[in-house]
Each structure stands twice: as structure tokens, then as C-alpha cells.
Amino acid sequence: MPRYEVVAVRPETPEEARLRQWWAEQAVTAPDNLEAAARQIIGLVSGLLGVLFGVLTLAAEPLPVYLQRDDVKFAGVAAIVLLLLALLAGLAVVFPQSVAVPRARPDEQAAQFAALLGRKSGALGLAAVCFGLGVVALGAALIIALLSL
């Protein structure tokens, strides 16, 4: 028969209680924070795409010299594709999803909550990376265009 060692137990300190409460609040507010960040990315991408499409519609015939360069075209297309991917990934974060979890199964509720957070944080991470790369590609297109004037 194994021997068990008795470990002393003490009451929780106020600092430990505050820390435990903070972690509990973070777990509850995490989906809201992820969705707020995704909405921010969606707004930024929508604005940048609006500016890009506005510039393209105002282009004269024939196209300005800087829009005829292949490197500007490539960087511009890359920027648009990456920003559209960021928009789709951001929408995946805020898109509602039905989850059926039995009320009497806290273990399944915790697993579903972890899966929900994982899905949302993964999509938000993808949105942030695509947004960052899209802005870099847009900046490259602008720099190349300005240097070619």
C-alpha cells in the first residue's frame, strides 16, 4: 500500500485571490477581446481596400507610368490578396457559430470553450499576419511607385 505525504494547506492570500479572480475574468472576456480585435482589423482592411480601389478607379487612360510597372502591379496585387485574406480571417473570428454542449457536463463545456478560443485566436492570428504582410506589400508598391516618378 503506497504511503501518502500530507502537505500543509493554508488559506489563500489576498494577492492569490486577486490573481485567481483576474484569470477567471480573462477566461470569460477572452472571446470578446478577440472579436473586438477582429473588428478593428476588419475596419482597417475595409478602409485600405477602399483607398486602393479608389486609386484604381481614378487612374487615367493611359495608365500612369508607375501603374504600368510590373513590380508595382505585383506588390499591389499581393497587397489586395493579403488584405482580402485578412478580411476573411477577421470575419471568421466574429462569425457566430452554433455550439451544442450539455448543461450537466462542465468538462465538455470547458473543452468546447477551449476549442472556441483556439479557433478564434487562430483566425485572429492569421488575420493579423495577413494584414501586416498586406500593409508591407502596399507600402512596397507605394515606395516603388514614388521612386519611379
N, C-alpha and C. Protein backbone atom coordinates (compact mmCIF):
# COMPACT_ATOMS: atom_id res chain seq x y z
N MET A 1 0.85 -1.17 0.00
CA MET A 1 0.00 0.00 0.00
C MET A 1 0.90 1.24 0.00
N PRO A 2 0.66 2.20 -0.94
CA PRO A 2 1.54 3.36 -1.01
C PRO A 2 1.33 4.29 0.19
N ARG A 3 2.40 4.96 0.52
CA ARG A 3 2.33 5.94 1.61
C ARG A 3 2.07 7.30 1.00
N TYR A 4 1.23 8.05 1.64
CA TYR A 4 0.90 9.38 1.16
C TYR A 4 1.52 10.39 2.10
N GLU A 5 2.04 11.46 1.52
CA GLU A 5 2.63 12.53 2.32
C GLU A 5 1.59 13.63 2.46
N VAL A 6 1.34 14.06 3.64
CA VAL A 6 0.37 15.11 3.89
C VAL A 6 1.07 16.45 3.72
N VAL A 7 0.50 17.28 2.89
CA VAL A 7 1.07 18.60 2.63
C VAL A 7 0.22 19.61 3.39
N ALA A 8 0.89 20.57 3.98
CA ALA A 8 0.19 21.60 4.74
C ALA A 8 -0.67 22.46 3.80
N VAL A 9 -1.83 22.83 4.24
CA VAL A 9 -2.73 23.67 3.47
C VAL A 9 -2.91 24.97 4.23
N ARG A 10 -2.89 26.07 3.49
CA ARG A 10 -3.07 27.37 4.13
C ARG A 10 -4.15 28.13 3.39
N PRO A 11 -4.73 29.11 4.03
CA PRO A 11 -5.76 29.90 3.35
C PRO A 11 -5.12 30.73 2.22
N GLU A 12 -5.94 31.05 1.25
CA GLU A 12 -5.49 31.85 0.11
C GLU A 12 -5.18 33.28 0.55
N THR A 13 -4.06 33.83 0.09
CA THR A 13 -3.72 35.21 0.42
C THR A 13 -4.56 36.15 -0.44
N PRO A 14 -4.69 37.40 -0.04
CA PRO A 14 -5.45 38.35 -0.86
C PRO A 14 -4.86 38.51 -2.26
N GLU A 15 -3.54 38.48 -2.36
CA GLU A 15 -2.89 38.59 -3.67
C GLU A 15 -3.22 37.38 -4.54
N GLU A 16 -3.21 36.20 -3.97
CA GLU A 16 -3.56 34.99 -4.70
C GLU A 16 -5.03 35.02 -5.12
N ALA A 17 -5.88 35.54 -4.27
CA ALA A 17 -7.31 35.64 -4.60
C ALA A 17 -7.52 36.61 -5.76
N ARG A 18 -6.81 37.76 -5.74
CA ARG A 18 -6.91 38.72 -6.83
C ARG A 18 -6.42 38.12 -8.15
N LEU A 19 -5.33 37.39 -8.06
CA LEU A 19 -4.78 36.76 -9.26
C LEU A 19 -5.73 35.70 -9.81
N ARG A 20 -6.29 34.88 -8.95
CA ARG A 20 -7.25 33.88 -9.38
C ARG A 20 -8.47 34.54 -10.02
N GLN A 21 -8.97 35.62 -9.41
CA GLN A 21 -10.11 36.35 -9.95
C GLN A 21 -9.78 36.97 -11.31
N TRP A 22 -8.56 37.51 -11.44
CA TRP A 22 -8.15 38.10 -12.71
C TRP A 22 -8.15 37.05 -13.82
N TRP A 23 -7.61 35.87 -13.52
CA TRP A 23 -7.58 34.79 -14.51
C TRP A 23 -9.00 34.35 -14.88
N ALA A 24 -9.87 34.31 -13.90
CA ALA A 24 -11.26 33.93 -14.17
C ALA A 24 -11.92 34.97 -15.09
N GLU A 25 -11.66 36.25 -14.86
CA GLU A 25 -12.21 37.30 -15.71
C GLU A 25 -11.64 37.22 -17.12
N GLN A 26 -10.34 36.92 -17.23
CA GLN A 26 -9.71 36.81 -18.56
C GLN A 26 -10.35 35.69 -19.36
N ALA A 27 -10.63 34.58 -18.71
CA ALA A 27 -11.24 33.45 -19.41
C ALA A 27 -12.61 33.82 -19.96
N VAL A 28 -13.36 34.62 -19.21
CA VAL A 28 -14.71 34.99 -19.64
C VAL A 28 -14.68 36.06 -20.72
N THR A 29 -13.75 37.02 -20.62
CA THR A 29 -13.72 38.13 -21.58
C THR A 29 -12.85 37.86 -22.80
N ALA A 30 -12.15 36.75 -22.85
CA ALA A 30 -11.25 36.47 -23.97
C ALA A 30 -11.97 36.48 -25.33
N PRO A 31 -13.12 35.82 -25.47
CA PRO A 31 -13.78 35.87 -26.79
C PRO A 31 -14.17 37.29 -27.20
N ASP A 32 -14.62 38.10 -26.25
CA ASP A 32 -14.99 39.48 -26.56
C ASP A 32 -13.77 40.27 -27.02
N ASN A 33 -12.63 40.07 -26.35
CA ASN A 33 -11.41 40.77 -26.74
C ASN A 33 -10.95 40.34 -28.13
N LEU A 34 -11.02 39.06 -28.43
CA LEU A 34 -10.64 38.57 -29.75
C LEU A 34 -11.55 39.15 -30.83
N GLU A 35 -12.84 39.20 -30.55
CA GLU A 35 -13.78 39.74 -31.53
C GLU A 35 -13.58 41.24 -31.72
N ALA A 36 -13.26 41.97 -30.65
CA ALA A 36 -13.00 43.41 -30.78
C ALA A 36 -11.76 43.66 -31.64
N ALA A 37 -10.72 42.86 -31.45
CA ALA A 37 -9.53 42.99 -32.27
C ALA A 37 -9.83 42.65 -33.72
N ALA A 38 -10.63 41.63 -33.95
CA ALA A 38 -11.00 41.26 -35.32
C ALA A 38 -11.81 42.37 -35.98
N ARG A 39 -12.71 42.98 -35.24
CA ARG A 39 -13.49 44.10 -35.80
C ARG A 39 -12.59 45.27 -36.16
N GLN A 40 -11.56 45.50 -35.37
CA GLN A 40 -10.59 46.56 -35.67
C GLN A 40 -9.86 46.25 -36.98
N ILE A 41 -9.42 45.02 -37.15
CA ILE A 41 -8.74 44.63 -38.39
C ILE A 41 -9.70 44.74 -39.57
N ILE A 42 -10.94 44.32 -39.39
CA ILE A 42 -11.93 44.40 -40.47
C ILE A 42 -12.11 45.86 -40.90
N GLY A 43 -12.20 46.76 -39.93
CA GLY A 43 -12.35 48.18 -40.26
C GLY A 43 -11.14 48.74 -40.98
N LEU A 44 -9.94 48.39 -40.51
CA LEU A 44 -8.73 48.87 -41.16
C LEU A 44 -8.60 48.33 -42.58
N VAL A 45 -8.87 47.05 -42.76
CA VAL A 45 -8.78 46.45 -44.09
C VAL A 45 -9.80 47.07 -45.02
N SER A 46 -11.01 47.28 -44.54
CA SER A 46 -12.04 47.88 -45.37
C SER A 46 -11.62 49.27 -45.83
N GLY A 47 -11.04 50.04 -44.93
CA GLY A 47 -10.56 51.37 -45.30
C GLY A 47 -9.43 51.33 -46.31
N LEU A 48 -8.47 50.45 -46.10
CA LEU A 48 -7.35 50.35 -47.04
C LEU A 48 -7.81 49.86 -48.41
N LEU A 49 -8.70 48.88 -48.43
CA LEU A 49 -9.21 48.40 -49.72
C LEU A 49 -10.02 49.49 -50.42
N GLY A 50 -10.75 50.28 -49.67
CA GLY A 50 -11.48 51.40 -50.26
C GLY A 50 -10.54 52.40 -50.91
N VAL A 51 -9.43 52.69 -50.24
CA VAL A 51 -8.44 53.61 -50.81
C VAL A 51 -7.81 53.00 -52.06
N LEU A 52 -7.45 51.72 -51.99
CA LEU A 52 -6.85 51.06 -53.15
C LEU A 52 -7.78 51.07 -54.35
N PHE A 53 -9.02 50.70 -54.13
CA PHE A 53 -9.97 50.66 -55.25
C PHE A 53 -10.28 52.08 -55.75
N GLY A 54 -10.27 53.05 -54.85
CA GLY A 54 -10.46 54.44 -55.26
C GLY A 54 -9.32 54.92 -56.15
N VAL A 55 -8.09 54.56 -55.81
CA VAL A 55 -6.94 54.94 -56.63
C VAL A 55 -7.04 54.28 -58.00
N LEU A 56 -7.45 53.01 -58.02
CA LEU A 56 -7.55 52.32 -59.29
C LEU A 56 -8.65 52.90 -60.19
N THR A 57 -9.75 53.35 -59.61
CA THR A 57 -10.83 53.89 -60.44
C THR A 57 -10.51 55.30 -60.92
N LEU A 58 -9.63 56.01 -60.24
CA LEU A 58 -9.27 57.36 -60.66
C LEU A 58 -8.12 57.37 -61.65
N ALA A 59 -7.55 56.22 -61.93
CA ALA A 59 -6.42 56.16 -62.86
C ALA A 59 -6.88 56.59 -64.25
N ALA A 60 -6.05 57.38 -64.89
CA ALA A 60 -6.38 57.92 -66.21
C ALA A 60 -6.02 56.91 -67.30
N GLU A 61 -6.53 57.18 -68.50
CA GLU A 61 -6.15 56.40 -69.68
C GLU A 61 -5.19 57.23 -70.47
N PRO A 62 -4.07 56.81 -70.80
CA PRO A 62 -3.41 55.56 -70.42
C PRO A 62 -3.02 55.61 -68.95
N LEU A 63 -2.73 54.44 -68.41
CA LEU A 63 -2.35 54.35 -67.01
C LEU A 63 -1.09 55.14 -66.75
N PRO A 64 -0.98 55.73 -65.56
CA PRO A 64 0.26 56.42 -65.23
C PRO A 64 1.45 55.46 -65.30
N VAL A 65 2.62 56.00 -65.51
CA VAL A 65 3.82 55.18 -65.67
C VAL A 65 4.03 54.24 -64.49
N TYR A 66 3.80 54.73 -63.29
CA TYR A 66 4.06 53.89 -62.11
C TYR A 66 3.09 52.71 -62.02
N LEU A 67 1.90 52.82 -62.59
CA LEU A 67 0.97 51.69 -62.58
C LEU A 67 1.23 50.71 -63.72
N GLN A 68 2.11 51.06 -64.63
CA GLN A 68 2.47 50.16 -65.71
C GLN A 68 3.65 49.27 -65.35
N ARG A 69 4.33 49.59 -64.26
CA ARG A 69 5.49 48.79 -63.84
C ARG A 69 5.02 47.45 -63.28
N ASP A 70 5.73 46.39 -63.66
CA ASP A 70 5.36 45.05 -63.20
C ASP A 70 5.55 44.89 -61.69
N ASP A 71 6.60 45.51 -61.13
CA ASP A 71 6.82 45.35 -59.69
C ASP A 71 5.74 46.07 -58.88
N VAL A 72 5.24 47.19 -59.38
CA VAL A 72 4.14 47.88 -58.69
C VAL A 72 2.85 47.05 -58.80
N LYS A 73 2.63 46.47 -59.98
CA LYS A 73 1.45 45.61 -60.16
C LYS A 73 1.52 44.41 -59.23
N PHE A 74 2.68 43.76 -59.18
CA PHE A 74 2.83 42.58 -58.33
C PHE A 74 2.60 42.94 -56.86
N ALA A 75 3.24 44.01 -56.39
CA ALA A 75 3.08 44.41 -54.99
C ALA A 75 1.63 44.82 -54.71
N GLY A 76 0.99 45.48 -55.67
CA GLY A 76 -0.40 45.88 -55.49
C GLY A 76 -1.34 44.69 -55.43
N VAL A 77 -1.13 43.72 -56.31
CA VAL A 77 -1.96 42.50 -56.29
C VAL A 77 -1.73 41.74 -54.99
N ALA A 78 -0.46 41.63 -54.57
CA ALA A 78 -0.15 40.94 -53.31
C ALA A 78 -0.84 41.64 -52.14
N ALA A 79 -0.81 42.98 -52.14
CA ALA A 79 -1.46 43.74 -51.07
C ALA A 79 -2.95 43.47 -51.05
N ILE A 80 -3.58 43.49 -52.21
CA ILE A 80 -5.04 43.27 -52.26
C ILE A 80 -5.39 41.86 -51.81
N VAL A 81 -4.64 40.85 -52.29
CA VAL A 81 -4.93 39.47 -51.90
C VAL A 81 -4.74 39.28 -50.41
N LEU A 82 -3.63 39.79 -49.86
CA LEU A 82 -3.37 39.63 -48.43
C LEU A 82 -4.40 40.37 -47.58
N LEU A 83 -4.80 41.55 -48.02
CA LEU A 83 -5.81 42.30 -47.25
C LEU A 83 -7.17 41.60 -47.32
N LEU A 84 -7.49 41.01 -48.47
CA LEU A 84 -8.75 40.25 -48.55
C LEU A 84 -8.70 39.01 -47.66
N LEU A 85 -7.55 38.34 -47.62
CA LEU A 85 -7.40 37.20 -46.71
C LEU A 85 -7.53 37.65 -45.25
N ALA A 86 -6.96 38.80 -44.92
CA ALA A 86 -7.09 39.32 -43.56
C ALA A 86 -8.55 39.62 -43.24
N LEU A 87 -9.26 40.15 -44.22
CA LEU A 87 -10.68 40.44 -44.02
C LEU A 87 -11.47 39.16 -43.78
N LEU A 88 -11.21 38.13 -44.58
CA LEU A 88 -11.91 36.86 -44.40
C LEU A 88 -11.58 36.21 -43.06
N ALA A 89 -10.31 36.25 -42.67
CA ALA A 89 -9.93 35.67 -41.38
C ALA A 89 -10.55 36.46 -40.23
N GLY A 90 -10.61 37.78 -40.35
CA GLY A 90 -11.26 38.59 -39.32
C GLY A 90 -12.75 38.29 -39.22
N LEU A 91 -13.38 38.08 -40.37
CA LEU A 91 -14.80 37.73 -40.35
C LEU A 91 -15.02 36.35 -39.74
N ALA A 92 -14.06 35.44 -39.91
CA ALA A 92 -14.18 34.12 -39.29
C ALA A 92 -14.18 34.21 -37.77
N VAL A 93 -13.52 35.24 -37.23
CA VAL A 93 -13.49 35.41 -35.77
C VAL A 93 -14.86 35.85 -35.26
N VAL A 94 -15.49 36.77 -35.96
CA VAL A 94 -16.75 37.34 -35.45
C VAL A 94 -17.98 36.61 -35.96
N PHE A 95 -17.81 35.70 -36.91
CA PHE A 95 -18.96 34.96 -37.43
C PHE A 95 -19.51 34.04 -36.35
N PRO A 96 -20.81 34.14 -36.05
CA PRO A 96 -21.38 33.29 -35.00
C PRO A 96 -21.39 31.82 -35.41
N GLN A 97 -21.17 30.97 -34.43
CA GLN A 97 -21.17 29.53 -34.67
C GLN A 97 -21.98 28.86 -33.58
N SER A 98 -22.86 27.97 -33.98
CA SER A 98 -23.69 27.25 -33.02
C SER A 98 -22.88 26.14 -32.37
N VAL A 99 -22.94 26.09 -31.05
CA VAL A 99 -22.23 25.05 -30.30
C VAL A 99 -23.23 24.42 -29.35
N ALA A 100 -23.39 23.10 -29.47
CA ALA A 100 -24.32 22.38 -28.60
C ALA A 100 -23.52 21.66 -27.52
N VAL A 101 -23.72 22.07 -26.28
CA VAL A 101 -23.00 21.48 -25.15
C VAL A 101 -24.01 21.18 -24.06
N PRO A 102 -23.99 19.96 -23.52
CA PRO A 102 -24.93 19.64 -22.43
C PRO A 102 -24.64 20.48 -21.18
N ARG A 103 -25.69 20.96 -20.56
CA ARG A 103 -25.53 21.79 -19.36
C ARG A 103 -24.92 21.03 -18.20
N ALA A 104 -25.17 19.76 -18.13
CA ALA A 104 -24.72 18.98 -16.98
C ALA A 104 -23.30 18.44 -17.17
N ARG A 105 -22.59 18.87 -18.20
CA ARG A 105 -21.25 18.36 -18.46
C ARG A 105 -20.24 19.50 -18.48
N PRO A 106 -19.77 19.95 -17.32
CA PRO A 106 -18.79 21.04 -17.30
C PRO A 106 -17.51 20.70 -18.03
N ASP A 107 -17.13 19.42 -18.06
CA ASP A 107 -15.90 19.04 -18.77
C ASP A 107 -16.06 19.27 -20.27
N GLU A 108 -17.23 18.94 -20.83
CA GLU A 108 -17.48 19.19 -22.24
C GLU A 108 -17.61 20.69 -22.52
N GLN A 109 -18.21 21.44 -21.58
CA GLN A 109 -18.30 22.88 -21.75
C GLN A 109 -16.91 23.50 -21.79
N ALA A 110 -16.03 23.07 -20.90
CA ALA A 110 -14.66 23.59 -20.88
C ALA A 110 -13.93 23.24 -22.17
N ALA A 111 -14.13 22.02 -22.66
CA ALA A 111 -13.47 21.61 -23.90
C ALA A 111 -13.98 22.42 -25.09
N GLN A 112 -15.29 22.65 -25.15
CA GLN A 112 -15.87 23.45 -26.24
C GLN A 112 -15.40 24.90 -26.15
N PHE A 113 -15.31 25.43 -24.93
CA PHE A 113 -14.84 26.80 -24.75
C PHE A 113 -13.39 26.91 -25.20
N ALA A 114 -12.56 25.93 -24.86
CA ALA A 114 -11.16 25.94 -25.29
C ALA A 114 -11.07 25.84 -26.81
N ALA A 115 -11.91 25.02 -27.42
CA ALA A 115 -11.92 24.90 -28.88
C ALA A 115 -12.36 26.21 -29.53
N LEU A 116 -13.36 26.87 -28.95
CA LEU A 116 -13.84 28.15 -29.46
C LEU A 116 -12.73 29.19 -29.39
N LEU A 117 -12.06 29.27 -28.24
CA LEU A 117 -10.95 30.22 -28.11
C LEU A 117 -9.83 29.90 -29.08
N GLY A 118 -9.54 28.62 -29.25
CA GLY A 118 -8.49 28.23 -30.18
C GLY A 118 -8.81 28.62 -31.61
N ARG A 119 -10.07 28.40 -32.01
CA ARG A 119 -10.49 28.77 -33.36
C ARG A 119 -10.42 30.28 -33.57
N LYS A 120 -10.95 31.02 -32.60
CA LYS A 120 -10.96 32.47 -32.73
C LYS A 120 -9.56 33.06 -32.69
N SER A 121 -8.71 32.58 -31.79
CA SER A 121 -7.36 33.14 -31.71
C SER A 121 -6.53 32.74 -32.93
N GLY A 122 -6.76 31.53 -33.47
CA GLY A 122 -6.05 31.14 -34.69
C GLY A 122 -6.44 32.00 -35.87
N ALA A 123 -7.74 32.24 -36.03
CA ALA A 123 -8.21 33.08 -37.13
C ALA A 123 -7.74 34.52 -36.96
N LEU A 124 -7.73 35.01 -35.72
CA LEU A 124 -7.24 36.37 -35.48
C LEU A 124 -5.75 36.46 -35.76
N GLY A 125 -5.00 35.45 -35.39
CA GLY A 125 -3.56 35.45 -35.69
C GLY A 125 -3.32 35.47 -37.19
N LEU A 126 -4.08 34.68 -37.94
CA LEU A 126 -3.96 34.68 -39.40
C LEU A 126 -4.34 36.05 -39.96
N ALA A 127 -5.40 36.65 -39.43
CA ALA A 127 -5.82 37.98 -39.90
C ALA A 127 -4.73 39.01 -39.63
N ALA A 128 -4.11 38.94 -38.48
CA ALA A 128 -3.06 39.91 -38.15
C ALA A 128 -1.85 39.74 -39.05
N VAL A 129 -1.45 38.50 -39.31
CA VAL A 129 -0.29 38.25 -40.18
C VAL A 129 -0.59 38.71 -41.60
N CYS A 130 -1.76 38.35 -42.12
CA CYS A 130 -2.12 38.77 -43.48
C CYS A 130 -2.25 40.29 -43.57
N PHE A 131 -2.80 40.91 -42.54
CA PHE A 131 -2.91 42.37 -42.54
C PHE A 131 -1.53 43.00 -42.54
N GLY A 132 -0.63 42.51 -41.69
CA GLY A 132 0.72 43.06 -41.65
C GLY A 132 1.45 42.89 -42.97
N LEU A 133 1.37 41.70 -43.56
CA LEU A 133 2.02 41.47 -44.85
C LEU A 133 1.37 42.31 -45.95
N GLY A 134 0.06 42.47 -45.88
CA GLY A 134 -0.64 43.30 -46.87
C GLY A 134 -0.22 44.75 -46.78
N VAL A 135 -0.04 45.26 -45.58
CA VAL A 135 0.41 46.64 -45.41
C VAL A 135 1.85 46.79 -45.92
N VAL A 136 2.68 45.78 -45.66
CA VAL A 136 4.05 45.82 -46.17
C VAL A 136 4.04 45.82 -47.70
N ALA A 137 3.21 44.97 -48.30
CA ALA A 137 3.13 44.93 -49.77
C ALA A 137 2.59 46.25 -50.32
N LEU A 138 1.61 46.83 -49.65
CA LEU A 138 1.09 48.12 -50.07
C LEU A 138 2.15 49.20 -49.95
N GLY A 139 2.90 49.17 -48.85
CA GLY A 139 4.00 50.13 -48.69
C GLY A 139 5.06 49.96 -49.76
N ALA A 140 5.37 48.72 -50.11
CA ALA A 140 6.35 48.46 -51.17
C ALA A 140 5.85 49.01 -52.50
N ALA A 141 4.57 48.79 -52.79
CA ALA A 141 4.00 49.31 -54.03
C ALA A 141 4.08 50.83 -54.08
N LEU A 142 3.77 51.47 -52.97
CA LEU A 142 3.82 52.94 -52.92
C LEU A 142 5.25 53.46 -53.05
N ILE A 143 6.17 52.81 -52.37
CA ILE A 143 7.57 53.25 -52.44
C ILE A 143 8.11 53.09 -53.86
N ILE A 144 7.84 51.94 -54.47
CA ILE A 144 8.30 51.71 -55.86
C ILE A 144 7.67 52.74 -56.79
N ALA A 145 6.37 52.99 -56.60
CA ALA A 145 5.69 53.96 -57.46
C ALA A 145 6.28 55.36 -57.29
N LEU A 146 6.56 55.74 -56.06
CA LEU A 146 7.12 57.08 -55.82
C LEU A 146 8.53 57.20 -56.37
N LEU A 147 9.31 56.13 -56.27
CA LEU A 147 10.67 56.18 -56.79
C LEU A 147 10.71 56.17 -58.32
N SER A 148 9.63 55.70 -58.94
CA SER A 148 9.62 55.65 -60.40
C SER A 148 9.11 56.94 -61.04
N LEU A 149 8.70 57.90 -60.24
CA LEU A 149 8.19 59.17 -60.81
C LEU A 149 9.31 60.03 -61.33
